C-alpha atoms as a PDB file:
ATOM      1  CA  MET A   1      27.070 -32.613  -9.038  1.00  0.00           C
ATOM      2  CA  SER A   2      23.461 -31.389  -9.618  1.00  0.00           C
ATOM      3  CA  LYS A   3      20.105 -31.940  -8.085  1.00  0.00           C
ATOM      4  CA  LEU A   4      17.109 -31.847 -10.412  1.00  0.00           C
ATOM      5  CA  ASN A   5      14.107 -30.825  -8.411  1.00  0.00           C
ATOM      6  CA  TYR A   6      11.856 -28.404 -10.288  1.00  0.00           C
ATOM      7  CA  VAL A   7      10.308 -28.186 -13.755  1.00  0.00           C
ATOM      8  CA  HIS A   8      10.158 -25.216 -16.077  1.00  0.00           C
ATOM      9  CA  PHE A   9       6.820 -23.650 -17.032  1.00  0.00           C
ATOM     10  CA  LYS A  10       6.898 -24.983 -20.598  1.00  0.00           C
ATOM     11  CA  PHE A  11       6.872 -28.579 -19.328  1.00  0.00           C
ATOM     12  CA  LEU A  12       3.987 -28.136 -16.878  1.00  0.00           C
ATOM     13  CA  PRO A  13       0.495 -29.234 -17.857  1.00  0.00           C
ATOM     14  CA  MET A  14      -1.534 -26.624 -19.775  1.00  0.00           C
ATOM     15  CA  SER A  15      -4.107 -26.497 -17.024  1.00  0.00           C
ATOM     16  CA  LEU A  16      -1.449 -25.529 -14.466  1.00  0.00           C
ATOM     17  CA  ARG A  17      -0.020 -22.842 -16.675  1.00  0.00           C
ATOM     18  CA  VAL A  18      -3.542 -21.420 -17.200  1.00  0.00           C
ATOM     19  CA  LEU A  19      -4.049 -21.469 -13.430  1.00  0.00           C
ATOM     20  CA  PHE A  20      -0.734 -19.652 -12.774  1.00  0.00           C
ATOM     21  CA  THR A  21      -1.578 -17.115 -15.526  1.00  0.00           C
ATOM     22  CA  MET A  22      -4.945 -16.260 -14.171  1.00  0.00           C
ATOM     23  CA  VAL A  23      -3.649 -15.931 -10.592  1.00  0.00           C
ATOM     24  CA  LEU A  24      -0.951 -13.551 -11.846  1.00  0.00           C
ATOM     25  CA  LEU A  25      -3.479 -11.504 -13.782  1.00  0.00           C
ATOM     26  CA  VAL A  26      -5.677 -11.089 -10.707  1.00  0.00           C
ATOM     27  CA  PHE A  27      -2.702 -10.336  -8.464  1.00  0.00           C
ATOM     28  CA  GLY A  28      -1.340  -7.867 -10.929  1.00  0.00           C
ATOM     29  CA  THR A  29      -4.647  -6.063 -11.168  1.00  0.00           C
ATOM     30  CA  GLY A  30      -4.984  -6.141  -7.393  1.00  0.00           C
ATOM     31  CA  TYR A  31      -1.488  -4.742  -6.901  1.00  0.00           C
ATOM     32  CA  LEU A  32      -2.226  -1.810  -9.201  1.00  0.00           C
ATOM     33  CA  MET A  33      -5.498  -1.109  -7.316  1.00  0.00           C
ATOM     34  CA  ALA A  34      -3.588  -1.261  -3.979  1.00  0.00           C
ATOM     35  CA  MET A  35      -1.086   1.351  -5.267  1.00  0.00           C
ATOM     36  CA  PHE A  36      -3.868   3.580  -6.379  1.00  0.00           C
ATOM     37  CA  GLN A  37      -5.601   3.234  -2.996  1.00  0.00           C
ATOM     38  CA  ALA A  38      -2.374   3.988  -1.100  1.00  0.00           C
ATOM     39  CA  TYR A  39      -1.923   7.070  -3.214  1.00  0.00           C
ATOM     40  CA  GLU A  40      -5.528   8.229  -2.659  1.00  0.00           C
ATOM     41  CA  SER A  41      -5.227   7.618   1.100  1.00  0.00           C
ATOM     42  CA  HIS A  42      -2.032   9.560   1.686  1.00  0.00           C
ATOM     43  CA  ALA A  43      -1.361  12.016  -1.136  1.00  0.00           C
ATOM     44  CA  GLY A  44      -2.075  15.687  -0.485  1.00  0.00           C
ATOM     45  CA  LYS A  45      -1.940  15.645   3.257  1.00  0.00           C
ATOM     46  CA  ASP A  46       0.857  18.271   3.078  1.00  0.00           C
ATOM     47  CA  GLY A  47      -1.190  20.438   0.705  1.00  0.00           C
ATOM     48  CA  ASP A  48       0.673  19.211  -2.427  1.00  0.00           C
ATOM     49  CA  PRO A  49      -1.387  16.816  -4.599  1.00  0.00           C
ATOM     50  CA  MET A  50       1.607  14.526  -5.213  1.00  0.00           C
ATOM     51  CA  LEU A  51       2.557  11.764  -2.803  1.00  0.00           C
ATOM     52  CA  SER A  52       5.635  12.705  -0.767  1.00  0.00           C
ATOM     53  CA  GLY A  53       7.592  11.692   2.273  1.00  0.00           C
ATOM     54  CA  LYS A  54       5.867  14.526   4.126  1.00  0.00           C
ATOM     55  CA  ASP A  55       2.460  12.934   3.437  1.00  0.00           C
ATOM     56  CA  LEU A  56       3.604   9.699   5.073  1.00  0.00           C
ATOM     57  CA  MET A  57       5.098  11.594   8.036  1.00  0.00           C
ATOM     58  CA  ILE A  58       1.722  13.234   8.578  1.00  0.00           C
ATOM     59  CA  ALA A  59      -0.149   9.945   8.118  1.00  0.00           C
ATOM     60  CA  TYR A  60       1.843   7.980  10.716  1.00  0.00           C
ATOM     61  CA  SER A  61       3.345  10.620  13.121  1.00  0.00           C
ATOM     62  CA  GLY A  62       0.787  13.371  12.694  1.00  0.00           C
ATOM     63  CA  ASN A  63       0.904  17.037  11.640  1.00  0.00           C
ATOM     64  CA  PRO A  64       2.264  19.407  14.257  1.00  0.00           C
ATOM     65  CA  ASP A  65       1.069  22.369  12.204  1.00  0.00           C
ATOM     66  CA  GLY A  66      -2.548  21.261  11.740  1.00  0.00           C
ATOM     67  CA  THR A  67      -5.549  19.406  13.047  1.00  0.00           C
ATOM     68  CA  LYS A  68      -7.034  16.105  11.839  1.00  0.00           C
ATOM     69  CA  LEU A  69      -9.829  17.936  10.139  1.00  0.00           C
ATOM     70  CA  GLU A  70      -7.456  20.250   8.281  1.00  0.00           C
ATOM     71  CA  THR A  71      -5.233  17.350   7.268  1.00  0.00           C
ATOM     72  CA  ALA A  72      -8.185  15.509   5.862  1.00  0.00           C
ATOM     73  CA  LEU A  73      -9.530  18.543   3.988  1.00  0.00           C
ATOM     74  CA  ARG A  74      -6.120  19.198   2.425  1.00  0.00           C
ATOM     75  CA  GLY A  75      -5.696  15.495   1.530  1.00  0.00           C
ATOM     76  CA  PRO A  76      -8.175  12.717   0.831  1.00  0.00           C
ATOM     77  CA  MET A  77     -11.291  14.837   1.526  1.00  0.00           C
ATOM     78  CA  GLN A  78     -10.180  17.842  -0.556  1.00  0.00           C
ATOM     79  CA  ASP A  79     -12.620  17.181  -3.373  1.00  0.00           C
ATOM     80  CA  MET A  80     -15.604  16.821  -1.053  1.00  0.00           C
ATOM     81  CA  LEU A  81     -15.929  20.610  -0.480  1.00  0.00           C
ATOM     82  CA  PRO A  82     -15.609  23.631  -2.705  1.00  0.00           C
ATOM     83  CA  ALA A  83     -12.423  25.643  -2.109  1.00  0.00           C
ATOM     84  CA  GLU A  84     -14.243  28.622  -0.559  1.00  0.00           C
ATOM     85  CA  LYS A  85     -16.045  26.403   1.994  1.00  0.00           C
ATOM     86  CA  ARG A  86     -12.845  24.622   2.924  1.00  0.00           C
ATOM     87  CA  GLN A  87     -11.270  28.051   3.514  1.00  0.00           C
ATOM     88  CA  VAL A  88     -14.110  28.927   5.895  1.00  0.00           C
ATOM     89  CA  ILE A  89     -13.370  25.826   7.892  1.00  0.00           C
ATOM     90  CA  PHE A  90      -9.596  26.520   7.835  1.00  0.00           C
ATOM     91  CA  ASP A  91     -10.135  30.072   9.102  1.00  0.00           C
ATOM     92  CA  TRP A  92     -12.378  28.740  11.915  1.00  0.00           C
ATOM     93  CA  LEU A  93      -9.772  26.144  12.846  1.00  0.00           C
ATOM     94  CA  HIS A  94      -6.908  28.714  12.877  1.00  0.00           C
ATOM     95  CA  ALA A  95      -9.050  31.015  15.059  1.00  0.00           C
ATOM     96  CA  GLY A  96      -9.364  28.326  17.704  1.00  0.00           C
ATOM     97  CA  ALA A  97     -12.396  26.314  16.508  1.00  0.00           C
ATOM     98  CA  LYS A  98     -14.710  28.126  18.899  1.00  0.00           C
ATOM     99  CA  GLN A  99     -17.988  26.454  19.709  1.00  0.00           C
ATOM    100  CA  GLU A 100     -19.954  29.672  19.595  1.00  0.00           C
ATOM    101  CA  GLU A 101     -19.117  30.076  15.879  1.00  0.00           C
ATOM    102  CA  PHE A 102     -19.813  26.447  14.948  1.00  0.00           C
ATOM    103  CA  ALA A 103     -23.568  26.618  14.500  1.00  0.00           C
ATOM    104  CA  ALA A 104     -23.523  29.726  12.256  1.00  0.00           C
ATOM    105  CA  LYS A 105     -20.406  29.110  10.162  1.00  0.00           C
ATOM    106  CA  ILE A 106     -19.439  25.416  10.147  1.00  0.00           C
ATOM    107  CA  ASN A 107     -22.494  23.250  10.813  1.00  0.00           C
ATOM    108  CA  PRO A 108     -24.359  24.393   7.616  1.00  0.00           C
ATOM    109  CA  ILE A 109     -21.356  23.284   5.520  1.00  0.00           C
ATOM    110  CA  LEU A 110     -21.086  19.963   7.293  1.00  0.00           C
ATOM    111  CA  GLN A 111     -24.843  19.351   7.025  1.00  0.00           C
ATOM    112  CA  GLU A 112     -24.781  19.964   3.247  1.00  0.00           C
ATOM    113  CA  HIS A 113     -21.615  18.089   2.303  1.00  0.00           C
ATOM    114  CA  CYS A 114     -20.515  15.726   5.081  1.00  0.00           C
ATOM    115  CA  ILE A 115     -23.322  14.298   7.255  1.00  0.00           C
ATOM    116  CA  ALA A 116     -24.489  11.784   4.593  1.00  0.00           C
ATOM    117  CA  CYS A 117     -21.365   9.728   5.353  1.00  0.00           C
ATOM    118  CA  HIS A 118     -20.153  11.069   8.685  1.00  0.00           C
ATOM    119  CA  ASN A 119     -22.835   9.692  10.989  1.00  0.00           C
ATOM    120  CA  PRO A 120     -22.925   6.364  12.892  1.00  0.00           C
ATOM    121  CA  GLU A 121     -25.837   5.001  10.879  1.00  0.00           C
ATOM    122  CA  ALA A 122     -23.995   5.420   7.532  1.00  0.00           C
ATOM    123  CA  ASN A 123     -20.477   4.425   8.689  1.00  0.00           C
ATOM    124  CA  PRO A 124     -19.577   3.874  12.352  1.00  0.00           C
ATOM    125  CA  HIS A 125     -15.844   3.988  11.488  1.00  0.00           C
ATOM    126  CA  LEU A 126     -15.899   7.625  10.372  1.00  0.00           C
ATOM    127  CA  PRO A 127     -15.916  10.619  12.707  1.00  0.00           C
ATOM    128  CA  ASP A 128     -19.442  11.674  13.679  1.00  0.00           C
ATOM    129  CA  LEU A 129     -19.857  15.270  12.401  1.00  0.00           C
ATOM    130  CA  ARG A 130     -23.485  15.846  13.352  1.00  0.00           C
ATOM    131  CA  GLU A 131     -22.756  17.877  16.491  1.00  0.00           C
ATOM    132  CA  TYR A 132     -19.942  20.037  17.825  1.00  0.00           C
ATOM    133  CA  ALA A 133     -18.943  17.294  20.315  1.00  0.00           C
ATOM    134  CA  GLY A 134     -18.025  14.946  17.495  1.00  0.00           C
ATOM    135  CA  VAL A 135     -16.319  17.661  15.422  1.00  0.00           C
ATOM    136  CA  SER A 136     -14.221  18.775  18.417  1.00  0.00           C
ATOM    137  CA  LYS A 137     -12.519  15.336  18.428  1.00  0.00           C
ATOM    138  CA  ILE A 138     -10.923  16.073  15.042  1.00  0.00           C
ATOM    139  CA  THR A 139     -10.092  19.716  15.663  1.00  0.00           C
ATOM    140  CA  ALA A 140      -7.302  18.656  18.048  1.00  0.00           C
ATOM    141  CA  ARG A 141      -3.724  18.408  16.903  1.00  0.00           C
ATOM    142  CA  ASP A 142      -3.252  15.656  14.331  1.00  0.00           C
ATOM    143  CA  GLU A 143      -1.104  12.938  15.913  1.00  0.00           C
ATOM    144  CA  GLY A 144      -1.390  10.496  13.010  1.00  0.00           C
ATOM    145  CA  MET A 145      -2.465   6.890  13.323  1.00  0.00           C
ATOM    146  CA  THR A 146      -2.937   5.584  16.821  1.00  0.00           C
ATOM    147  CA  ILE A 147      -1.000   2.502  17.971  1.00  0.00           C
ATOM    148  CA  PRO A 148      -4.153   0.365  18.105  1.00  0.00           C
ATOM    149  CA  THR A 149      -4.920   1.379  14.523  1.00  0.00           C
ATOM    150  CA  LEU A 150      -1.393   0.529  13.446  1.00  0.00           C
ATOM    151  CA  VAL A 151      -1.578  -2.885  15.155  1.00  0.00           C
ATOM    152  CA  ARG A 152      -4.893  -3.636  13.415  1.00  0.00           C
ATOM    153  CA  VAL A 153      -3.632  -2.634  10.002  1.00  0.00           C
ATOM    154  CA  SER A 154      -0.232  -4.321  10.547  1.00  0.00           C
ATOM    155  CA  HIS A 155      -1.513  -7.836  11.161  1.00  0.00           C
ATOM    156  CA  ILE A 156      -3.925  -7.568   8.154  1.00  0.00           C
ATOM    157  CA  HIS A 157      -1.080  -6.279   5.981  1.00  0.00           C
ATOM    158  CA  LEU A 158       1.481  -8.878   7.100  1.00  0.00           C
ATOM    159  CA  PHE A 159      -0.835 -11.885   6.624  1.00  0.00           C
ATOM    160  CA  SER A 160      -2.383 -10.802   3.296  1.00  0.00           C
ATOM    161  CA  ILE A 161       0.799  -9.568   1.569  1.00  0.00           C
ATOM    162  CA  THR A 162       2.731 -12.619   2.721  1.00  0.00           C
ATOM    163  CA  PHE A 163       0.083 -14.846   1.136  1.00  0.00           C
ATOM    164  CA  ILE A 164       0.303 -12.882  -2.169  1.00  0.00           C
ATOM    165  CA  PHE A 165       4.111 -13.048  -2.335  1.00  0.00           C
ATOM    166  CA  PHE A 166       4.235 -16.713  -1.323  1.00  0.00           C
ATOM    167  CA  ILE A 167       2.028 -17.653  -4.298  1.00  0.00           C
ATOM    168  CA  THR A 168       3.820 -15.297  -6.686  1.00  0.00           C
ATOM    169  CA  GLY A 169       7.171 -16.595  -5.558  1.00  0.00           C
ATOM    170  CA  TYR A 170       6.136 -20.190  -5.914  1.00  0.00           C
ATOM    171  CA  ILE A 171       5.012 -19.549  -9.492  1.00  0.00           C
ATOM    172  CA  PHE A 172       8.246 -17.644 -10.213  1.00  0.00           C
ATOM    173  CA  SER A 173      10.273 -20.594  -8.843  1.00  0.00           C
ATOM    174  CA  HIS A 174       9.462 -22.459 -12.085  1.00  0.00           C
ATOM    175  CA  ALA A 175      11.267 -19.807 -14.091  1.00  0.00           C
ATOM    176  CA  TYR A 176      14.780 -20.170 -15.473  1.00  0.00           C
ATOM    177  CA  VAL A 177      16.935 -17.382 -14.012  1.00  0.00           C
ATOM    178  CA  ARG A 178      20.716 -17.352 -13.718  1.00  0.00           C
ATOM    179  CA  PRO A 179      22.672 -16.847 -11.566  1.00  0.00           C
ATOM    180  CA  THR A 180      20.594 -18.738  -9.038  1.00  0.00           C
ATOM    181  CA  TRP A 181      21.399 -16.317  -6.215  1.00  0.00           C
ATOM    182  CA  LEU A 182      19.694 -13.540  -8.179  1.00  0.00           C
ATOM    183  CA  LYS A 183      16.517 -15.544  -8.455  1.00  0.00           C
ATOM    184  CA  CYS A 184      16.566 -16.300  -4.712  1.00  0.00           C
ATOM    185  CA  LEU A 185      17.151 -12.618  -4.004  1.00  0.00           C
ATOM    186  CA  VAL A 186      14.127 -11.555  -6.016  1.00  0.00           C
ATOM    187  CA  ILE A 187      11.942 -14.054  -4.168  1.00  0.00           C
ATOM    188  CA  ALA A 188      13.270 -12.939  -0.699  1.00  0.00           C
ATOM    189  CA  ILE A 189      13.196  -9.123  -1.191  1.00  0.00           C
ATOM    190  CA  PRO A 190       9.383  -8.689  -0.832  1.00  0.00           C
ATOM    191  CA  PHE A 191       9.309 -10.498   2.515  1.00  0.00           C
ATOM    192  CA  ALA A 192      12.260  -8.505   3.912  1.00  0.00           C
ATOM    193  CA  MET A 193      10.807  -5.252   2.649  1.00  0.00           C
ATOM    194  CA  LEU A 194       7.379  -6.093   4.116  1.00  0.00           C
ATOM    195  CA  ILE A 195       8.875  -6.350   7.570  1.00  0.00           C
ATOM    196  CA  THR A 196      10.807  -3.097   7.022  1.00  0.00           C
ATOM    197  CA  ASP A 197       7.716  -1.380   5.745  1.00  0.00           C
ATOM    198  CA  VAL A 198       5.479  -2.254   8.674  1.00  0.00           C
ATOM    199  CA  ALA A 199       8.221  -1.562  11.250  1.00  0.00           C
ATOM    200  CA  SER A 200       8.766   1.903   9.724  1.00  0.00           C
ATOM    201  CA  TRP A 201       5.115   2.818  10.339  1.00  0.00           C
ATOM    202  CA  TYR A 202       5.785   2.654  14.051  1.00  0.00           C
ATOM    203  CA  LEU A 203       9.319   4.135  13.832  1.00  0.00           C
ATOM    204  CA  THR A 204       8.004   7.153  11.954  1.00  0.00           C
ATOM    205  CA  LYS A 205       6.302   8.165  15.160  1.00  0.00           C
ATOM    206  CA  VAL A 206       9.706   8.253  16.780  1.00  0.00           C
ATOM    207  CA  TRP A 207      11.605   9.872  13.927  1.00  0.00           C
ATOM    208  CA  GLU A 208       9.841  11.262  10.845  1.00  0.00           C
ATOM    209  CA  GLY A 209      12.761  10.249   8.601  1.00  0.00           C
ATOM    210  CA  PHE A 210      11.521   6.676   8.685  1.00  0.00           C
ATOM    211  CA  ALA A 211       8.693   7.794   6.285  1.00  0.00           C
ATOM    212  CA  TRP A 212      11.269   7.534   3.507  1.00  0.00           C
ATOM    213  CA  VAL A 213      11.964   3.919   4.508  1.00  0.00           C
ATOM    214  CA  VAL A 214       8.263   3.218   3.921  1.00  0.00           C
ATOM    215  CA  ILE A 215       8.561   4.655   0.436  1.00  0.00           C
ATOM    216  CA  ILE A 216      11.779   2.785  -0.314  1.00  0.00           C
ATOM    217  CA  SER A 217      10.446  -0.494   1.014  1.00  0.00           C
ATOM    218  CA  GLY A 218       7.295  -0.156  -1.065  1.00  0.00           C
ATOM    219  CA  ALA A 219       9.418   0.571  -4.148  1.00  0.00           C
ATOM    220  CA  PHE A 220      11.534  -2.524  -3.695  1.00  0.00           C
ATOM    221  CA  MET A 221       8.404  -4.672  -3.140  1.00  0.00           C
ATOM    222  CA  GLY A 222       6.843  -3.274  -6.309  1.00  0.00           C
ATOM    223  CA  MET A 223      10.030  -3.925  -8.345  1.00  0.00           C
ATOM    224  CA  ALA A 224      10.308  -7.476  -7.052  1.00  0.00           C
ATOM    225  CA  PHE A 225       6.693  -8.187  -7.805  1.00  0.00           C
ATOM    226  CA  ALA A 226       6.948  -6.735 -11.304  1.00  0.00           C
ATOM    227  CA  THR A 227      10.100  -8.780 -11.994  1.00  0.00           C
ATOM    228  CA  MET A 228       8.513 -12.026 -10.941  1.00  0.00           C
ATOM    229  CA  TRP A 229       5.301 -11.195 -12.761  1.00  0.00           C
ATOM    230  CA  VAL A 230       6.892 -10.309 -16.114  1.00  0.00           C
ATOM    231  CA  ILE A 231       9.478 -13.131 -16.153  1.00  0.00           C
ATOM    232  CA  SER A 232       6.862 -15.725 -15.188  1.00  0.00           C
ATOM    233  CA  MET A 233       4.361 -14.608 -17.830  1.00  0.00           C
ATOM    234  CA  TRP A 234       7.038 -14.323 -20.516  1.00  0.00           C
ATOM    235  CA  GLN A 235       8.624 -17.675 -19.844  1.00  0.00           C
ATOM    236  CA  MET A 236       5.311 -19.461 -19.570  1.00  0.00           C
ATOM    237  CA  TRP A 237       3.957 -18.391 -23.018  1.00  0.00           C
ATOM    238  CA  PHE A 238       6.595 -16.670 -25.171  1.00  0.00           C
ATOM    239  CA  TRP A 239      10.103 -17.793 -24.192  1.00  0.00           C
ATOM    240  CA  LYS A 240      12.088 -20.297 -26.240  1.00  0.00           C
ATOM    241  CA  VAL A 241      13.407 -22.940 -23.957  1.00  0.00           C
ATOM    242  CA  PRO A 242      17.204 -23.579 -24.096  1.00  0.00           C
ATOM    243  CA  ALA A 243      18.331 -26.971 -25.364  1.00  0.00           C
ATOM    244  CA  SER A 244      19.902 -27.729 -21.983  1.00  0.00           C
ATOM    245  CA  ILE A 245      16.369 -27.701 -20.455  1.00  0.00           C
ATOM    246  CA  SER A 246      14.617 -29.424 -23.322  1.00  0.00           C
ATOM    247  CA  ASP A 247      17.100 -32.252 -23.311  1.00  0.00           C
ATOM    248  CA  ASN A 248      16.419 -32.757 -19.646  1.00  0.00           C
ATOM    249  CA  ASP A 249      12.636 -33.034 -19.979  1.00  0.00           C
ATOM    250  CA  GLY A 250      12.206 -29.535 -18.563  1.00  0.00           C
ATOM    251  CA  GLN A 251      13.949 -30.216 -15.275  1.00  0.00           C
ATOM    252  CA  ILE A 252      16.285 -27.463 -14.174  1.00  0.00           C
ATOM    253  CA  PRO A 253      19.268 -27.957 -11.791  1.00  0.00           C
ATOM    254  CA  CYS A 254      18.570 -26.172  -8.608  1.00  0.00           C
ATOM    255  CA  LEU A 255      22.088 -26.792  -7.278  1.00  0.00           C
ATOM    256  CA  HIS A 256      24.721 -26.557  -9.959  1.00  0.00           C
ATOM    257  CA  SER A 257      27.948 -24.751 -10.759  1.00  0.00           C
ATOM    258  CA  GLU A 258      26.291 -22.633 -13.484  1.00  0.00           C
ATOM    259  CA  GLN A 259      27.066 -19.373 -11.659  1.00  0.00           C
END
């Protein structure tokens, strides 16, 4: 016994297929930009330009061997200063970040390269590097993202990514994929991995090994998104519909013994 309750792409109105296609194109571009942004935000924190588990450990749980300023200058802010000036700052930090040396050695570098952005008028969300008092806040041990920051990022991440995968999954639901359990699994994986991903941000503060769970979760989300994107686009415009679907006016059995 079968239950016919969804229609394949090829039998949808052209306007709906165009709508689905444009949404997927925008989502695909946005996903690539998000991956690039994640790489730029985290890669290099451990001194190696490639993204690694150590980078994520530092991002979420902190760097026991360095300060916030050093972590930034070895990671996302590395290109903002010449190597010799970064080394001057590193030497100052390793010597104890003494206030009496700040005016002569460090402040001229910050004034030339950093103050344009690192002041409350330009960006209130960045550390204020105009005076030693502000700089001293990032010369302490790097403890990673604070819990309030994680909470703020978490709720934005959960709501926005859920919205994206709901729409992508709805579009993909019009595809013909057998066995049916595989199609359902592809739709469900991103939501499960999203929860695992966000939970691991917090758990990495307890045990650094959870940083690898962040990477694995992200990889599974990316693979599921790519699978739904490619299959949907292919079947919408290039796929030859099987006779079993054509003979049924495009309706596909959702419950059937085809497995």
